[in-house]
Amino acid sequence: MRFPLVLAAVAAVTLSSGAWTPALAQDLKVTVVGRDSIVLTPADLKALPRAKATFQAKGHAVTFEGPLLNAALLKAGVVSGDRLMGRYLNQVVVAKGADGFTATYSLGETDPIYRANPVIIADSKDGQPLDAKEGPYRLVVDGDLRPGRSPRQVVSIEVKPVP
């Protein structure tokens, strides 16, 4: 009889102490200016090709994993590969977090024909789903030395021409 009470007390303290809570998966809106927006469900994102991206945080390597941003952009109709030249390179990708923070990338740096290191829509960190403070999605550029352009809780991605 005492064991269930102790277990319940430990669970209550753990939940109230701000212990790790995984973020709930959600849809991700991808907009390409001049085209219709698409909404990628968690299942859509899981089905895309995946990669890992690593950067240093507080003195140690952190490894994120998730679908390739380029693959998500292809689903939205963005030009990629050998066709990505000229006017198409005059576009930027703007990722927006739930807190309003935005990060901007050139379209070229999201494409594997121009950049060997992937840009990913991370859904896990060091093998665990992202927690509620970071996830469910975080854009991560493999090889970046700092996470300064890695928005957390990404809610939308927009591709538009440079003004």
Protein backbone atom coordinates (compact mmCIF):
# COMPACT_ATOMS: atom_id res chain seq x y z
CA MET A 1 0.00 0.00 0.00
CA ARG A 2 2.88 2.40 0.74
CA PHE A 3 4.61 1.81 -2.62
CA PRO A 4 1.80 3.32 -4.77
CA LEU A 5 1.69 6.36 -2.47
CA VAL A 6 5.44 6.87 -2.72
CA LEU A 7 5.33 6.41 -6.49
CA ALA A 8 2.51 8.95 -6.79
CA ALA A 9 4.42 11.44 -4.62
CA VAL A 10 7.59 11.06 -6.72
CA ALA A 11 5.60 11.53 -9.92
CA ALA A 12 3.92 14.67 -8.56
CA VAL A 13 7.25 16.21 -7.49
CA THR A 14 8.86 15.32 -10.84
CA LEU A 15 6.05 16.87 -12.85
CA SER A 16 5.90 20.02 -10.75
CA SER A 17 9.68 20.55 -10.74
CA GLY A 18 9.84 21.38 -14.45
CA ALA A 19 11.39 18.06 -15.46
CA TRP A 20 11.92 17.35 -19.14
CA THR A 21 8.67 17.31 -21.09
CA PRO A 22 8.71 16.37 -24.77
CA ALA A 23 7.14 18.85 -27.16
CA LEU A 24 3.93 17.76 -28.84
CA ALA A 25 4.25 17.26 -32.58
CA GLN A 26 2.46 19.83 -34.70
CA ASP A 27 1.91 20.83 -38.30
CA LEU A 28 4.47 23.09 -39.99
CA LYS A 29 3.41 25.72 -42.53
CA VAL A 30 5.70 26.26 -45.53
CA THR A 31 4.97 29.26 -47.74
CA VAL A 32 6.56 30.11 -51.06
CA VAL A 33 5.67 33.64 -52.13
CA GLY A 34 3.64 33.49 -55.36
CA ARG A 35 2.46 29.93 -54.68
CA ASP A 36 0.01 28.28 -52.34
CA SER A 37 1.22 27.46 -48.85
CA ILE A 38 1.49 23.84 -47.79
CA VAL A 39 1.10 22.34 -44.36
CA LEU A 40 3.39 19.47 -43.46
CA THR A 41 2.02 17.15 -40.79
CA PRO A 42 4.28 15.33 -38.34
CA ALA A 43 3.81 12.20 -40.50
CA ASP A 44 4.84 14.15 -43.64
CA LEU A 45 7.98 15.38 -41.89
CA LYS A 46 8.86 11.89 -40.61
CA ALA A 47 8.64 10.56 -44.19
CA LEU A 48 11.20 13.06 -45.56
CA PRO A 49 14.90 12.19 -45.90
CA ARG A 50 16.67 12.78 -42.58
CA ALA A 51 20.12 13.99 -41.55
CA LYS A 52 22.12 14.98 -38.49
CA ALA A 53 23.56 18.37 -37.62
CA THR A 54 26.02 19.16 -34.86
CA PHE A 55 27.23 22.34 -33.17
CA GLN A 56 28.95 23.30 -29.95
CA ALA A 57 26.81 24.45 -27.02
CA LYS A 58 28.37 25.39 -23.70
CA GLY A 59 31.58 23.57 -24.51
CA HIS A 60 30.20 20.27 -25.77
CA ALA A 61 28.89 18.92 -29.06
CA VAL A 62 25.13 18.68 -29.44
CA THR A 63 23.72 16.51 -32.22
CA PHE A 64 20.31 17.20 -33.70
CA GLU A 65 18.43 14.99 -36.14
CA GLY A 66 15.47 15.65 -38.39
CA PRO A 67 14.19 15.99 -41.94
CA LEU A 68 16.21 17.97 -44.45
CA LEU A 69 14.91 21.50 -44.92
CA ASN A 70 15.60 21.16 -48.63
CA ALA A 71 13.24 18.16 -48.84
CA ALA A 72 10.46 20.16 -47.16
CA LEU A 73 11.04 23.07 -49.55
CA LEU A 74 10.85 20.70 -52.52
CA LYS A 75 7.40 19.60 -51.30
CA ALA A 76 6.39 23.26 -51.45
CA GLY A 77 7.62 23.57 -55.06
CA VAL A 78 10.93 25.37 -54.56
CA VAL A 79 13.47 25.05 -57.37
CA SER A 80 16.45 22.91 -56.37
CA GLY A 81 19.57 21.21 -57.68
CA ASP A 82 20.95 22.11 -61.11
CA ARG A 83 18.00 24.43 -61.78
CA LEU A 84 18.81 26.57 -58.72
CA MET A 85 20.60 29.50 -60.39
CA GLY A 86 20.01 33.06 -61.50
CA ARG A 87 16.82 34.62 -60.21
CA TYR A 88 16.07 31.60 -58.00
CA LEU A 89 19.23 32.28 -56.01
CA ASN A 90 17.84 35.74 -55.21
CA GLN A 91 15.52 34.19 -52.60
CA VAL A 92 15.72 33.82 -48.85
CA VAL A 93 14.26 31.31 -46.43
CA VAL A 94 12.80 32.83 -43.26
CA ALA A 95 12.13 30.51 -40.34
CA LYS A 96 9.92 31.85 -37.56
CA GLY A 97 9.73 30.56 -34.00
CA ALA A 98 6.69 30.69 -31.72
CA ASP A 99 8.35 33.54 -29.79
CA GLY A 100 8.63 35.67 -32.95
CA PHE A 101 12.39 35.10 -33.42
CA THR A 102 13.29 34.72 -37.08
CA ALA A 103 16.38 33.45 -38.84
CA THR A 104 17.15 34.03 -42.49
CA TYR A 105 19.11 31.79 -44.84
CA SER A 106 19.87 32.19 -48.53
CA LEU A 107 18.05 29.58 -50.60
CA GLY A 108 21.44 28.43 -51.92
CA GLU A 109 22.70 27.47 -48.47
CA THR A 110 19.74 25.11 -48.00
CA ASP A 111 20.48 23.16 -51.18
CA PRO A 112 22.95 20.25 -51.28
CA ILE A 113 24.29 21.33 -54.66
CA TYR A 114 25.71 24.48 -53.00
CA ARG A 115 26.39 23.29 -49.47
CA ALA A 116 27.67 19.93 -48.21
CA ASN A 117 26.47 20.48 -44.63
CA PRO A 118 22.72 20.01 -44.27
CA VAL A 119 20.14 22.39 -42.84
CA ILE A 120 17.59 20.34 -40.93
CA ILE A 121 14.23 20.73 -39.26
CA ALA A 122 15.38 19.05 -36.07
CA ASP A 123 12.89 17.02 -34.06
CA SER A 124 15.41 15.30 -31.78
CA LYS A 125 18.53 16.25 -29.82
CA ASP A 126 21.14 13.72 -28.72
CA GLY A 127 18.71 10.91 -29.54
CA GLN A 128 15.74 12.29 -27.58
CA PRO A 129 12.68 14.20 -28.88
CA LEU A 130 13.04 17.96 -28.45
CA ASP A 131 11.60 19.22 -25.19
CA ALA A 132 8.80 21.78 -24.94
CA LYS A 133 11.30 24.68 -24.71
CA GLU A 134 12.91 23.82 -28.05
CA GLY A 135 10.41 21.84 -30.05
CA PRO A 136 8.69 20.30 -31.62
CA TYR A 137 10.94 21.66 -34.40
CA ARG A 138 14.17 23.65 -34.46
CA LEU A 139 16.10 24.69 -37.57
CA VAL A 140 19.76 23.70 -37.28
CA VAL A 141 22.60 24.34 -39.74
CA ASP A 142 25.25 21.64 -39.53
CA GLY A 143 28.66 23.17 -39.10
CA ASP A 144 27.51 26.47 -37.60
CA LEU A 145 29.85 27.38 -34.77
CA ARG A 146 27.07 28.90 -32.66
CA PRO A 147 23.31 28.34 -32.49
CA GLY A 148 22.51 32.03 -33.11
CA ARG A 149 20.46 31.38 -36.23
CA SER A 150 18.75 28.27 -35.00
CA PRO A 151 15.18 29.25 -34.07
CA ARG A 152 13.36 27.08 -31.56
CA GLN A 153 9.70 26.09 -31.70
CA VAL A 154 9.56 26.73 -35.46
CA VAL A 155 5.99 27.39 -36.56
CA SER A 156 6.49 28.57 -40.15
CA ILE A 157 8.99 28.69 -42.99
CA GLU A 158 8.68 31.20 -45.83
CA VAL A 159 10.61 31.45 -49.10
CA LYS A 160 10.56 34.86 -50.73
CA PRO A 161 12.60 37.04 -53.08
CA VAL A 162 15.15 39.43 -51.64
CA PRO A 163 13.55 42.90 -51.74
